[in-house]
Amino acid sequence: MTPTANTRATYGPVTAIGRSIFTAAEASGDGILLMLRALRYLPMGAWRRRGEIWTQMLICGVYSLPVALLVGAFSGMVIALQVGLALVDWDMAERIGAVTPDAMCRELGPIWVGVILAARVGSAMAAELGTMRVTEEIDALEVMSIDPARFLVLPRLIALTIMAPMLTAYADLVGTLGGAVVGKYQLGVSYGKYFYWVRRTLSASDILPGLLIKAPIYGLTIAVVGCTLGLRVKPAEGAEGVGTATRNSVVVALILLIVLNYFLSSLIRYI
C-alpha cells in the first residue's frame, strides 16, 4: 500500500525524531570508540607526539588563562555579594569566607572552566579536524597507514585533560580573592575575618574532588566531543559541514557538562 500524503505528514515528525535519536546514538558510539582507539596508544604514542601535546597544552591552557581568570574572579565576586547581602541581616557577613571558596572549588570553578573550554577549545578542535576532513588530509593520513586517533586525537585528549585542572585551580584562587575584595569594599568584612573563615572551613575534601575528578573528566569529554564531531564531517558537506560540527560541538559539550556535573556531584558525596 502506497502511503498517502496525510500519512506521510503524520509520520514526518516521528521519522525526524527517530532519525535524530539514531544520529545521536551513532555519534555517541563513535566518540567512545575514538577515545578508546586514542588511549590505546598510551604511553608510547604520547611520548612520540610530545611536541604536539605541548603545542596543544599551550593552545588549551595558556591562551585560555585570561578568560578563565576573568570569569573566575567575577564568579567569586557574585557569590560573595549575593551570599553576603543575605547574611548581613543576620550579622554574619564574614561567613562569606566560608561560602565563597567552597562554592568555587566544588562547583563554579570546574563548571565555568568547562564552559570556557567547550566554547573556545572544543569548537576549535571540531573546526580544525572538520577542515582537515573536507580537504582530505585525514584520508591522506589513513592512506599512509597513520591512525588519526594517534596522530591527531591523542595529543588533544591529553592536553585538555591536563590543562583543565590547572585552569580550574587558577579560577578557584582568583574567585576566592575576588570574594575577599567584595567583602572588604561592599560588605565591610576585613581581609583578616574573611581569610580566617577560609582557613577554618576549606579543606582538601572541598578542593581535590573538583580538581582531580570533575575538571579532568570535563576536559576529556570536551576533547572527545570536539574531535568526534570534527572527524564525522563528510568531505561533500564542505564549509557548511564544518560550521555545523563547530556549532554542535559547543551545544553537545555543554549539555554533557551539565549532566556530568549532577552525577559527579552526587558521586563525590559518597567518596
Foldseek 3Di string as FASTA:
>chain_A
DDDDPVVCVVCVVVVVVVVVVVVVVVLVVLLVVLVVVLVVPPPVLCVVCVVVLVVLLCQQAVVLQVVLLVQLLVVLLVQLVVVLVVCVVVVPSLLSLQVSLLCLQQPVLLLVLLLSCLLRPLLVLLLVLLVCQLVCVCVVCVVVVHHCSSVPQNSQLVSLLVRQLVSSVSSSVSSSVSSQVCCVPPVVHHSVSSVVSNVVRDDCLSHCCSRPPRRSVSSNLSSSLSNSQSNPQHNVCPPVSSVVSSVVSSVVSSVVSVVVSVVSSVVSVVD
